[in-house]
Amino acid sequence: MEMTDFGITEMLKMQRKLQEKYKDKWEQISCETGQNKLLWMLGEIGEVIDIIKKNGGQRSCTDEALRKSLVEELADVLMYYNDVLLCYGITAEELKKAYTDKFTRNMKRW
């Protein structure tokens, strides 16, 4: 599977497939479970931080095995992030608008 660009729409589609496949094993996607998904995401962010904290930023970027672990943990973060989007029914279009609006405000901030 060649990917030249990998965006929210594609990630959400993939995450929906995962959720459908494991619907009998994983907690349901809903507003009520969004908080749990956020907590799981924070756990994954902790794993990313541990890699960098234990090995340093430079080594985490340049050591092939560490970089692979770092990218894998970041993928886990994104998976939970997309679960959160699904839980709250946030679309790629809504996210793009909010992100663009925030970007515009930040560009004018200082």
PDB file of N, CA and C in Angstrom:
ATOM      1  N   MET A   1       0.846  -1.182   0.000  1.00  0.00           N
ATOM      2  CA  MET A   1       0.000   0.000   0.000  1.00  0.00           C
ATOM      3  C   MET A   1       0.887   1.239   0.000  1.00  0.00           C
ATOM      4  N   GLU A   2       0.932   1.935  -1.117  1.00  0.00           N
ATOM      5  CA  GLU A   2       1.730   3.152  -1.219  1.00  0.00           C
ATOM      6  C   GLU A   2       0.919   4.330  -0.712  1.00  0.00           C
ATOM      7  N   MET A   3       1.564   5.154   0.123  1.00  0.00           N
ATOM      8  CA  MET A   3       0.885   6.333   0.652  1.00  0.00           C
ATOM      9  C   MET A   3       1.758   7.548   0.392  1.00  0.00           C
ATOM     10  N   THR A   4       1.235   8.468  -0.368  1.00  0.00           N
ATOM     11  CA  THR A   4       1.956   9.712  -0.573  1.00  0.00           C
ATOM     12  C   THR A   4       1.541  10.731   0.480  1.00  0.00           C
ATOM     13  N   ASP A   5       0.313  10.627   0.930  1.00  0.00           N
ATOM     14  CA  ASP A   5      -0.209  11.494   1.981  1.00  0.00           C
ATOM     15  C   ASP A   5      -1.132  10.637   2.832  1.00  0.00           C
ATOM     16  N   PHE A   6      -1.107  10.858   4.109  1.00  0.00           N
ATOM     17  CA  PHE A   6      -1.891  10.046   5.022  1.00  0.00           C
ATOM     18  C   PHE A   6      -2.639  10.983   5.952  1.00  0.00           C
ATOM     19  N   GLY A   7      -3.925  11.122   5.740  1.00  0.00           N
ATOM     20  CA  GLY A   7      -4.679  12.119   6.483  1.00  0.00           C
ATOM     21  C   GLY A   7      -5.729  11.539   7.401  1.00  0.00           C
ATOM     22  N   ILE A   8      -6.422  12.436   8.052  1.00  0.00           N
ATOM     23  CA  ILE A   8      -7.444  12.083   9.034  1.00  0.00           C
ATOM     24  C   ILE A   8      -8.539  11.219   8.416  1.00  0.00           C
ATOM     25  N   THR A   9      -8.993  11.548   7.231  1.00  0.00           N
ATOM     26  CA  THR A   9     -10.071  10.781   6.609  1.00  0.00           C
ATOM     27  C   THR A   9      -9.682   9.316   6.462  1.00  0.00           C
ATOM     28  N   GLU A  10      -8.473   9.078   5.989  1.00  0.00           N
ATOM     29  CA  GLU A  10      -8.007   7.701   5.816  1.00  0.00           C
ATOM     30  C   GLU A  10      -7.833   6.999   7.160  1.00  0.00           C
ATOM     31  N   MET A  11      -7.286   7.717   8.142  1.00  0.00           N
ATOM     32  CA  MET A  11      -7.118   7.126   9.471  1.00  0.00           C
ATOM     33  C   MET A  11      -8.463   6.773  10.094  1.00  0.00           C
ATOM     34  N   LEU A  12      -9.439   7.678   9.965  1.00  0.00           N
ATOM     35  CA  LEU A  12     -10.772   7.407  10.522  1.00  0.00           C
ATOM     36  C   LEU A  12     -11.398   6.178   9.866  1.00  0.00           C
ATOM     37  N   LYS A  13     -11.226   6.066   8.577  1.00  0.00           N
ATOM     38  CA  LYS A  13     -11.767   4.907   7.853  1.00  0.00           C
ATOM     39  C   LYS A  13     -11.138   3.610   8.374  1.00  0.00           C
ATOM     40  N   MET A  14      -9.835   3.622   8.536  1.00  0.00           N
ATOM     41  CA  MET A  14      -9.137   2.441   9.039  1.00  0.00           C
ATOM     42  C   MET A  14      -9.559   2.134  10.474  1.00  0.00           C
ATOM     43  N   GLN A  15      -9.713   3.175  11.291  1.00  0.00           N
ATOM     44  CA  GLN A  15     -10.080   2.976  12.687  1.00  0.00           C
ATOM     45  C   GLN A  15     -11.491   2.416  12.801  1.00  0.00           C
ATOM     46  N   ARG A  16     -12.395   2.879  11.928  1.00  0.00           N
ATOM     47  CA  ARG A  16     -13.756   2.322  11.919  1.00  0.00           C
ATOM     48  C   ARG A  16     -13.721   0.825  11.610  1.00  0.00           C
ATOM     49  N   LYS A  17     -12.861   0.416  10.673  1.00  0.00           N
ATOM     50  CA  LYS A  17     -12.727  -1.004  10.337  1.00  0.00           C
ATOM     51  C   LYS A  17     -12.243  -1.802  11.538  1.00  0.00           C
ATOM     52  N   LEU A  18     -11.256  -1.257  12.254  1.00  0.00           N
ATOM     53  CA  LEU A  18     -10.774  -1.924  13.460  1.00  0.00           C
ATOM     54  C   LEU A  18     -11.886  -2.049  14.507  1.00  0.00           C
ATOM     55  N   GLN A  19     -12.591  -0.961  14.716  1.00  0.00           N
ATOM     56  CA  GLN A  19     -13.673  -0.962  15.703  1.00  0.00           C
ATOM     57  C   GLN A  19     -14.755  -1.974  15.326  1.00  0.00           C
ATOM     58  N   GLU A  20     -15.070  -2.055  14.063  1.00  0.00           N
ATOM     59  CA  GLU A  20     -16.078  -3.007  13.602  1.00  0.00           C
ATOM     60  C   GLU A  20     -15.591  -4.441  13.816  1.00  0.00           C
ATOM     61  N   LYS A  21     -14.354  -4.706  13.490  1.00  0.00           N
ATOM     62  CA  LYS A  21     -13.799  -6.054  13.633  1.00  0.00           C
ATOM     63  C   LYS A  21     -13.801  -6.514  15.088  1.00  0.00           C
ATOM     64  N   TYR A  22     -13.501  -5.610  16.004  1.00  0.00           N
ATOM     65  CA  TYR A  22     -13.377  -5.978  17.413  1.00  0.00           C
ATOM     66  C   TYR A  22     -14.531  -5.478  18.276  1.00  0.00           C
ATOM     67  N   LYS A  23     -15.676  -5.250  17.664  1.00  0.00           N
ATOM     68  CA  LYS A  23     -16.813  -4.680  18.398  1.00  0.00           C
ATOM     69  C   LYS A  23     -17.256  -5.548  19.568  1.00  0.00           C
ATOM     70  N   ASP A  24     -17.025  -6.844  19.503  1.00  0.00           N
ATOM     71  CA  ASP A  24     -17.412  -7.729  20.605  1.00  0.00           C
ATOM     72  C   ASP A  24     -16.337  -7.850  21.673  1.00  0.00           C
ATOM     73  N   LYS A  25     -15.149  -7.328  21.399  1.00  0.00           N
ATOM     74  CA  LYS A  25     -14.039  -7.430  22.349  1.00  0.00           C
ATOM     75  C   LYS A  25     -13.684  -6.082  22.984  1.00  0.00           C
ATOM     76  N   TRP A  26     -13.852  -5.002  22.234  1.00  0.00           N
ATOM     77  CA  TRP A  26     -13.486  -3.673  22.713  1.00  0.00           C
ATOM     78  C   TRP A  26     -14.728  -2.938  23.183  1.00  0.00           C
ATOM     79  N   GLU A  27     -14.528  -1.931  24.043  1.00  0.00           N
ATOM     80  CA  GLU A  27     -15.674  -1.129  24.454  1.00  0.00           C
ATOM     81  C   GLU A  27     -16.201  -0.349  23.254  1.00  0.00           C
ATOM     82  N   GLN A  28     -17.500  -0.128  23.253  1.00  0.00           N
ATOM     83  CA  GLN A  28     -18.172   0.529  22.142  1.00  0.00           C
ATOM     84  C   GLN A  28     -17.678   1.963  21.963  1.00  0.00           C
ATOM     85  N   ILE A  29     -17.732   2.418  20.734  1.00  0.00           N
ATOM     86  CA  ILE A  29     -17.427   3.818  20.430  1.00  0.00           C
ATOM     87  C   ILE A  29     -18.686   4.626  20.751  1.00  0.00           C
ATOM     88  N   SER A  30     -18.559   5.542  21.695  1.00  0.00           N
ATOM     89  CA  SER A  30     -19.689   6.382  22.078  1.00  0.00           C
ATOM     90  C   SER A  30     -19.159   7.573  22.873  1.00  0.00           C
ATOM     91  N   CYS A  31     -20.024   8.554  23.047  1.00  0.00           N
ATOM     92  CA  CYS A  31     -19.631   9.722  23.857  1.00  0.00           C
ATOM     93  C   CYS A  31     -19.249   9.304  25.273  1.00  0.00           C
ATOM     94  N   GLU A  32     -19.905   8.260  25.767  1.00  0.00           N
ATOM     95  CA  GLU A  32     -19.629   7.798  27.134  1.00  0.00           C
ATOM     96  C   GLU A  32     -18.242   7.177  27.265  1.00  0.00           C
ATOM     97  N   THR A  33     -17.706   6.600  26.186  1.00  0.00           N
ATOM     98  CA  THR A  33     -16.395   5.956  26.278  1.00  0.00           C
ATOM     99  C   THR A  33     -15.263   6.863  25.796  1.00  0.00           C
ATOM    100  N   GLY A  34     -15.585   8.049  25.331  1.00  0.00           N
ATOM    101  CA  GLY A  34     -14.566   8.975  24.854  1.00  0.00           C
ATOM    102  C   GLY A  34     -13.512   9.281  25.900  1.00  0.00           C
ATOM    103  N   GLN A  35     -13.934   9.439  27.148  1.00  0.00           N
ATOM    104  CA  GLN A  35     -12.980   9.737  28.218  1.00  0.00           C
ATOM    105  C   GLN A  35     -11.989   8.583  28.387  1.00  0.00           C
ATOM    106  N   ASN A  36     -12.479   7.352  28.313  1.00  0.00           N
ATOM    107  CA  ASN A  36     -11.581   6.205  28.435  1.00  0.00           C
ATOM    108  C   ASN A  36     -10.570   6.175  27.301  1.00  0.00           C
ATOM    109  N   LYS A  37     -11.017   6.490  26.099  1.00  0.00           N
ATOM    110  CA  LYS A  37     -10.102   6.514  24.951  1.00  0.00           C
ATOM    111  C   LYS A  37      -9.033   7.590  25.140  1.00  0.00           C
ATOM    112  N   LEU A  38      -9.430   8.736  25.706  1.00  0.00           N
ATOM    113  CA  LEU A  38      -8.448   9.796  25.986  1.00  0.00           C
ATOM    114  C   LEU A  38      -7.412   9.318  27.005  1.00  0.00           C
ATOM    115  N   LEU A  39      -7.861   8.601  28.017  1.00  0.00           N
ATOM    116  CA  LEU A  39      -6.930   8.089  29.027  1.00  0.00           C
ATOM    117  C   LEU A  39      -5.974   7.063  28.429  1.00  0.00           C
ATOM    118  N   TRP A  40      -6.485   6.182  27.564  1.00  0.00           N
ATOM    119  CA  TRP A  40      -5.620   5.222  26.882  1.00  0.00           C
ATOM    120  C   TRP A  40      -4.609   5.965  26.001  1.00  0.00           C
ATOM    121  N   MET A  41      -5.059   7.032  25.342  1.00  0.00           N
ATOM    122  CA  MET A  41      -4.170   7.819  24.499  1.00  0.00           C
ATOM    123  C   MET A  41      -3.051   8.440  25.346  1.00  0.00           C
ATOM    124  N   LEU A  42      -3.395   8.932  26.517  1.00  0.00           N
ATOM    125  CA  LEU A  42      -2.373   9.498  27.404  1.00  0.00           C
ATOM    126  C   LEU A  42      -1.343   8.453  27.802  1.00  0.00           C
ATOM    127  N   GLY A  43      -1.797   7.214  28.008  1.00  0.00           N
ATOM    128  CA  GLY A  43      -0.867   6.125  28.304  1.00  0.00           C
ATOM    129  C   GLY A  43       0.115   5.909  27.173  1.00  0.00           C
ATOM    130  N   GLU A  44      -0.383   5.960  25.945  1.00  0.00           N
ATOM    131  CA  GLU A  44       0.483   5.797  24.781  1.00  0.00           C
ATOM    132  C   GLU A  44       1.441   6.979  24.642  1.00  0.00           C
ATOM    133  N   ILE A  45       0.974   8.183  24.950  1.00  0.00           N
ATOM    134  CA  ILE A  45       1.860   9.352  24.929  1.00  0.00           C
ATOM    135  C   ILE A  45       2.975   9.156  25.959  1.00  0.00           C
ATOM    136  N   GLY A  46       2.632   8.580  27.097  1.00  0.00           N
ATOM    137  CA  GLY A  46       3.641   8.266  28.113  1.00  0.00           C
ATOM    138  C   GLY A  46       4.709   7.323  27.581  1.00  0.00           C
ATOM    139  N   GLU A  47       4.299   6.353  26.767  1.00  0.00           N
ATOM    140  CA  GLU A  47       5.267   5.427  26.181  1.00  0.00           C
ATOM    141  C   GLU A  47       6.204   6.150  25.208  1.00  0.00           C
ATOM    142  N   VAL A  48       5.663   7.111  24.460  1.00  0.00           N
ATOM    143  CA  VAL A  48       6.502   7.918  23.562  1.00  0.00           C
ATOM    144  C   VAL A  48       7.510   8.706  24.394  1.00  0.00           C
ATOM    145  N   ILE A  49       7.030   9.334  25.449  1.00  0.00           N
ATOM    146  CA  ILE A  49       7.900  10.134  26.313  1.00  0.00           C
ATOM    147  C   ILE A  49       8.992   9.263  26.929  1.00  0.00           C
ATOM    148  N   ASP A  50       8.638   8.043  27.359  1.00  0.00           N
ATOM    149  CA  ASP A  50       9.629   7.147  27.956  1.00  0.00           C
ATOM    150  C   ASP A  50      10.769   6.833  26.999  1.00  0.00           C
ATOM    151  N   ILE A  51      10.442   6.580  25.736  1.00  0.00           N
ATOM    152  CA  ILE A  51      11.487   6.278  24.748  1.00  0.00           C
ATOM    153  C   ILE A  51      12.464   7.444  24.656  1.00  0.00           C
ATOM    154  N   ILE A  52      11.923   8.643  24.565  1.00  0.00           N
ATOM    155  CA  ILE A  52      12.778   9.826  24.416  1.00  0.00           C
ATOM    156  C   ILE A  52      13.524  10.124  25.718  1.00  0.00           C
ATOM    157  N   LYS A  53      12.829  10.005  26.845  1.00  0.00           N
ATOM    158  CA  LYS A  53      13.449  10.289  28.140  1.00  0.00           C
ATOM    159  C   LYS A  53      14.600   9.319  28.426  1.00  0.00           C
ATOM    160  N   LYS A  54      14.407   8.056  28.125  1.00  0.00           N
ATOM    161  CA  LYS A  54      15.426   7.048  28.430  1.00  0.00           C
ATOM    162  C   LYS A  54      16.590   7.063  27.450  1.00  0.00           C
ATOM    163  N   ASN A  55      16.355   7.540  26.230  1.00  0.00           N
ATOM    164  CA  ASN A  55      17.376   7.438  25.189  1.00  0.00           C
ATOM    165  C   ASN A  55      17.845   8.772  24.631  1.00  0.00           C
ATOM    166  N   GLY A  56      17.162   9.839  24.985  1.00  0.00           N
ATOM    167  CA  GLY A  56      17.492  11.150  24.452  1.00  0.00           C
ATOM    168  C   GLY A  56      16.860  11.353  23.088  1.00  0.00           C
ATOM    169  N   GLY A  57      16.597  12.601  22.755  1.00  0.00           N
ATOM    170  CA  GLY A  57      15.936  12.923  21.503  1.00  0.00           C
ATOM    171  C   GLY A  57      16.746  12.547  20.280  1.00  0.00           C
ATOM    172  N   GLN A  58      18.040  12.862  20.304  1.00  0.00           N
ATOM    173  CA  GLN A  58      18.886  12.595  19.139  1.00  0.00           C
ATOM    174  C   GLN A  58      18.969  11.108  18.849  1.00  0.00           C
ATOM    175  N   ARG A  59      19.219  10.307  19.873  1.00  0.00           N
ATOM    176  CA  ARG A  59      19.336   8.854  19.674  1.00  0.00           C
ATOM    177  C   ARG A  59      18.005   8.251  19.254  1.00  0.00           C
ATOM    178  N   SER A  60      16.908   8.775  19.807  1.00  0.00           N
ATOM    179  CA  SER A  60      15.582   8.281  19.442  1.00  0.00           C
ATOM    180  C   SER A  60      15.270   8.555  17.976  1.00  0.00           C
ATOM    181  N   CYS A  61      15.873   9.592  17.435  1.00  0.00           N
ATOM    182  CA  CYS A  61      15.668   9.928  16.016  1.00  0.00           C
ATOM    183  C   CYS A  61      16.594   9.160  15.089  1.00  0.00           C
ATOM    184  N   THR A  62      17.796   8.843  15.551  1.00  0.00           N
ATOM    185  CA  THR A  62      18.793   8.289  14.645  1.00  0.00           C
ATOM    186  C   THR A  62      19.012   6.791  14.785  1.00  0.00           C
ATOM    187  N   ASP A  63      18.803   6.219  15.951  1.00  0.00           N
ATOM    188  CA  ASP A  63      18.950   4.777  16.139  1.00  0.00           C
ATOM    189  C   ASP A  63      17.756   4.074  15.494  1.00  0.00           C
ATOM    190  N   GLU A  64      18.030   3.193  14.552  1.00  0.00           N
ATOM    191  CA  GLU A  64      16.970   2.589  13.748  1.00  0.00           C
ATOM    192  C   GLU A  64      15.915   1.864  14.589  1.00  0.00           C
ATOM    193  N   ALA A  65      16.345   1.077  15.555  1.00  0.00           N
ATOM    194  CA  ALA A  65      15.392   0.322  16.380  1.00  0.00           C
ATOM    195  C   ALA A  65      14.568   1.251  17.274  1.00  0.00           C
ATOM    196  N   LEU A  66      15.231   2.238  17.857  1.00  0.00           N
ATOM    197  CA  LEU A  66      14.512   3.186  18.709  1.00  0.00           C
ATOM    198  C   LEU A  66      13.525   4.004  17.900  1.00  0.00           C
ATOM    199  N   ARG A  67      13.959   4.438  16.725  1.00  0.00           N
ATOM    200  CA  ARG A  67      13.063   5.219  15.858  1.00  0.00           C
ATOM    201  C   ARG A  67      11.839   4.392  15.479  1.00  0.00           C
ATOM    202  N   LYS A  68      12.038   3.117  15.175  1.00  0.00           N
ATOM    203  CA  LYS A  68      10.917   2.241  14.836  1.00  0.00           C
ATOM    204  C   LYS A  68       9.936   2.164  16.010  1.00  0.00           C
ATOM    205  N   SER A  69      10.456   2.008  17.217  1.00  0.00           N
ATOM    206  CA  SER A  69       9.596   1.973  18.415  1.00  0.00           C
ATOM    207  C   SER A  69       8.877   3.301  18.618  1.00  0.00           C
ATOM    208  N   LEU A  70       9.604   4.397  18.421  1.00  0.00           N
ATOM    209  CA  LEU A  70       9.018   5.730  18.576  1.00  0.00           C
ATOM    210  C   LEU A  70       7.852   5.925  17.607  1.00  0.00           C
ATOM    211  N   VAL A  71       8.067   5.588  16.349  1.00  0.00           N
ATOM    212  CA  VAL A  71       7.022   5.755  15.335  1.00  0.00           C
ATOM    213  C   VAL A  71       5.841   4.839  15.638  1.00  0.00           C
ATOM    214  N   GLU A  72       6.124   3.614  16.085  1.00  0.00           N
ATOM    215  CA  GLU A  72       5.042   2.684  16.423  1.00  0.00           C
ATOM    216  C   GLU A  72       4.193   3.215  17.581  1.00  0.00           C
ATOM    217  N   GLU A  73       4.835   3.752  18.589  1.00  0.00           N
ATOM    218  CA  GLU A  73       4.085   4.311  19.726  1.00  0.00           C
ATOM    219  C   GLU A  73       3.283   5.534  19.291  1.00  0.00           C
ATOM    220  N   LEU A  74       3.845   6.352  18.404  1.00  0.00           N
ATOM    221  CA  LEU A  74       3.096   7.496  17.890  1.00  0.00           C
ATOM    222  C   LEU A  74       1.885   7.034  17.073  1.00  0.00           C
ATOM    223  N   ALA A  75       2.032   5.913  16.368  1.00  0.00           N
ATOM    224  CA  ALA A  75       0.889   5.351  15.646  1.00  0.00           C
ATOM    225  C   ALA A  75      -0.198   4.924  16.637  1.00  0.00           C
ATOM    226  N   ASP A  76       0.208   4.350  17.780  1.00  0.00           N
ATOM    227  CA  ASP A  76      -0.770   3.996  18.817  1.00  0.00           C
ATOM    228  C   ASP A  76      -1.505   5.237  19.320  1.00  0.00           C
ATOM    229  N   VAL A  77      -0.746   6.324  19.523  1.00  0.00           N
ATOM    230  CA  VAL A  77      -1.365   7.591  19.945  1.00  0.00           C
ATOM    231  C   VAL A  77      -2.417   8.015  18.931  1.00  0.00           C
ATOM    232  N   LEU A  78      -2.055   7.960  17.649  1.00  0.00           N
ATOM    233  CA  LEU A  78      -2.995   8.367  16.597  1.00  0.00           C
ATOM    234  C   LEU A  78      -4.213   7.453  16.538  1.00  0.00           C
ATOM    235  N   MET A  79      -4.028   6.178  16.813  1.00  0.00           N
ATOM    236  CA  MET A  79      -5.176   5.268  16.803  1.00  0.00           C
ATOM    237  C   MET A  79      -6.179   5.656  17.892  1.00  0.00           C
ATOM    238  N   TYR A  80      -5.677   5.918  19.086  1.00  0.00           N
ATOM    239  CA  TYR A  80      -6.590   6.355  20.150  1.00  0.00           C
ATOM    240  C   TYR A  80      -7.165   7.736  19.856  1.00  0.00           C
ATOM    241  N   TYR A  81      -6.361   8.611  19.265  1.00  0.00           N
ATOM    242  CA  TYR A  81      -6.843   9.936  18.866  1.00  0.00           C
ATOM    243  C   TYR A  81      -8.026   9.787  17.911  1.00  0.00           C
ATOM    244  N   ASN A  82      -7.887   8.902  16.946  1.00  0.00           N
ATOM    245  CA  ASN A  82      -8.978   8.673  16.004  1.00  0.00           C
ATOM    246  C   ASN A  82     -10.176   8.016  16.677  1.00  0.00           C
ATOM    247  N   ASP A  83      -9.940   7.159  17.663  1.00  0.00           N
ATOM    248  CA  ASP A  83     -11.056   6.620  18.450  1.00  0.00           C
ATOM    249  C   ASP A  83     -11.817   7.752  19.141  1.00  0.00           C
ATOM    250  N   VAL A  84     -11.075   8.721  19.676  1.00  0.00           N
ATOM    251  CA  VAL A  84     -11.707   9.873  20.336  1.00  0.00           C
ATOM    252  C   VAL A  84     -12.561  10.638  19.331  1.00  0.00           C
ATOM    253  N   LEU A  85     -12.014  10.879  18.146  1.00  0.00           N
ATOM    254  CA  LEU A  85     -12.796  11.564  17.108  1.00  0.00           C
ATOM    255  C   LEU A  85     -14.072  10.785  16.801  1.00  0.00           C
ATOM    256  N   LEU A  86     -13.950   9.464  16.688  1.00  0.00           N
ATOM    257  CA  LEU A  86     -15.127   8.635  16.422  1.00  0.00           C
ATOM    258  C   LEU A  86     -16.124   8.691  17.577  1.00  0.00           C
ATOM    259  N   CYS A  87     -15.622   8.648  18.802  1.00  0.00           N
ATOM    260  CA  CYS A  87     -16.510   8.688  19.978  1.00  0.00           C
ATOM    261  C   CYS A  87     -17.379   9.938  19.981  1.00  0.00           C
ATOM    262  N   TYR A  88     -16.799  11.044  19.606  1.00  0.00           N
ATOM    263  CA  TYR A  88     -17.524  12.309  19.657  1.00  0.00           C
ATOM    264  C   TYR A  88     -18.081  12.731  18.304  1.00  0.00           C
ATOM    265  N   GLY A  89     -17.946  11.856  17.317  1.00  0.00           N
ATOM    266  CA  GLY A  89     -18.511  12.135  15.996  1.00  0.00           C
ATOM    267  C   GLY A  89     -17.889  13.325  15.301  1.00  0.00           C
ATOM    268  N   ILE A  90     -16.620  13.562  15.560  1.00  0.00           N
ATOM    269  CA  ILE A  90     -15.927  14.697  14.947  1.00  0.00           C
ATOM    270  C   ILE A  90     -15.440  14.282  13.567  1.00  0.00           C
ATOM    271  N   THR A  91     -15.826  15.048  12.570  1.00  0.00           N
ATOM    272  CA  THR A  91     -15.469  14.716  11.197  1.00  0.00           C
ATOM    273  C   THR A  91     -14.143  15.364  10.807  1.00  0.00           C
ATOM    274  N   ALA A  92     -13.585  14.867   9.720  1.00  0.00           N
ATOM    275  CA  ALA A  92     -12.351  15.459   9.191  1.00  0.00           C
ATOM    276  C   ALA A  92     -12.572  16.914   8.813  1.00  0.00           C
ATOM    277  N   GLU A  93     -13.757  17.207   8.293  1.00  0.00           N
ATOM    278  CA  GLU A  93     -14.066  18.586   7.896  1.00  0.00           C
ATOM    279  C   GLU A  93     -14.113  19.515   9.112  1.00  0.00           C
ATOM    280  N   GLU A  94     -14.757  19.059  10.188  1.00  0.00           N
ATOM    281  CA  GLU A  94     -14.805  19.871  11.417  1.00  0.00           C
ATOM    282  C   GLU A  94     -13.404  20.111  11.957  1.00  0.00           C
ATOM    283  N   LEU A  95     -12.605  19.053  11.960  1.00  0.00           N
ATOM    284  CA  LEU A  95     -11.249  19.161  12.480  1.00  0.00           C
ATOM    285  C   LEU A  95     -10.410  20.101  11.623  1.00  0.00           C
ATOM    286  N   LYS A  96     -10.557  19.995  10.308  1.00  0.00           N
ATOM    287  CA  LYS A  96      -9.813  20.880   9.405  1.00  0.00           C
ATOM    288  C   LYS A  96     -10.174  22.337   9.660  1.00  0.00           C
ATOM    289  N   LYS A  97     -11.459  22.616   9.827  1.00  0.00           N
ATOM    290  CA  LYS A  97     -11.887  23.998  10.072  1.00  0.00           C
ATOM    291  C   LYS A  97     -11.315  24.505  11.394  1.00  0.00           C
ATOM    292  N   ALA A  98     -11.449  23.711  12.442  1.00  0.00           N
ATOM    293  CA  ALA A  98     -10.940  24.134  13.747  1.00  0.00           C
ATOM    294  C   ALA A  98      -9.430  24.327  13.708  1.00  0.00           C
ATOM    295  N   TYR A  99      -8.739  23.408  13.057  1.00  0.00           N
ATOM    296  CA  TYR A  99      -7.283  23.490  12.959  1.00  0.00           C
ATOM    297  C   TYR A  99      -6.864  24.731  12.161  1.00  0.00           C
ATOM    298  N   THR A 100      -7.535  24.959  11.050  1.00  0.00           N
ATOM    299  CA  THR A 100      -7.228  26.108  10.206  1.00  0.00           C
ATOM    300  C   THR A 100      -7.511  27.418  10.942  1.00  0.00           C
ATOM    301  N   ASP A 101      -8.639  27.479  11.630  1.00  0.00           N
ATOM    302  CA  ASP A 101      -8.971  28.677  12.403  1.00  0.00           C
ATOM    303  C   ASP A 101      -7.934  28.933  13.494  1.00  0.00           C
ATOM    304  N   LYS A 102      -7.548  27.875  14.192  1.00  0.00           N
ATOM    305  CA  LYS A 102      -6.550  28.013  15.260  1.00  0.00           C
ATOM    306  C   LYS A 102      -5.200  28.432  14.679  1.00  0.00           C
ATOM    307  N   PHE A 103      -4.827  27.838  13.554  1.00  0.00           N
ATOM    308  CA  PHE A 103      -3.587  28.203  12.867  1.00  0.00           C
ATOM    309  C   PHE A 103      -3.580  29.687  12.523  1.00  0.00           C
ATOM    310  N   THR A 104      -4.679  30.173  11.964  1.00  0.00           N
ATOM    311  CA  THR A 104      -4.792  31.583  11.578  1.00  0.00           C
ATOM    312  C   THR A 104      -4.626  32.480  12.796  1.00  0.00           C
ATOM    313  N   ARG A 105      -5.300  32.131  13.895  1.00  0.00           N
ATOM    314  CA  ARG A 105      -5.169  32.936  15.124  1.00  0.00           C
ATOM    315  C   ARG A 105      -3.724  32.911  15.628  1.00  0.00           C
ATOM    316  N   ASN A 106      -3.097  31.726  15.606  1.00  0.00           N
ATOM    317  CA  ASN A 106      -1.729  31.622  16.093  1.00  0.00           C
ATOM    318  C   ASN A 106      -0.747  32.391  15.214  1.00  0.00           C
ATOM    319  N   MET A 107      -1.001  32.443  13.934  1.00  0.00           N
ATOM    320  CA  MET A 107      -0.112  33.187  13.025  1.00  0.00           C
ATOM    321  C   MET A 107      -0.151  34.685  13.322  1.00  0.00           C
ATOM    322  N   LYS A 108      -1.211  35.141  13.923  1.00  0.00           N
ATOM    323  CA  LYS A 108      -1.360  36.580  14.244  1.00  0.00           C
ATOM    324  C   LYS A 108      -1.017  36.882  15.693  1.00  0.00           C
ATOM    325  N   ARG A 109      -0.706  35.891  16.446  1.00  0.00           N
ATOM    326  CA  ARG A 109      -0.549  36.043  17.891  1.00  0.00           C
ATOM    327  C   ARG A 109       0.624  36.923  18.284  1.00  0.00           C
ATOM    328  N   TRP A 110       1.797  36.739  17.721  1.00  0.00           N
ATOM    329  CA  TRP A 110       2.974  37.518  18.133  1.00  0.00           C
ATOM    330  C   TRP A 110       3.542  38.303  17.016  1.00  0.00           C
TER     331      TRP A 110
END
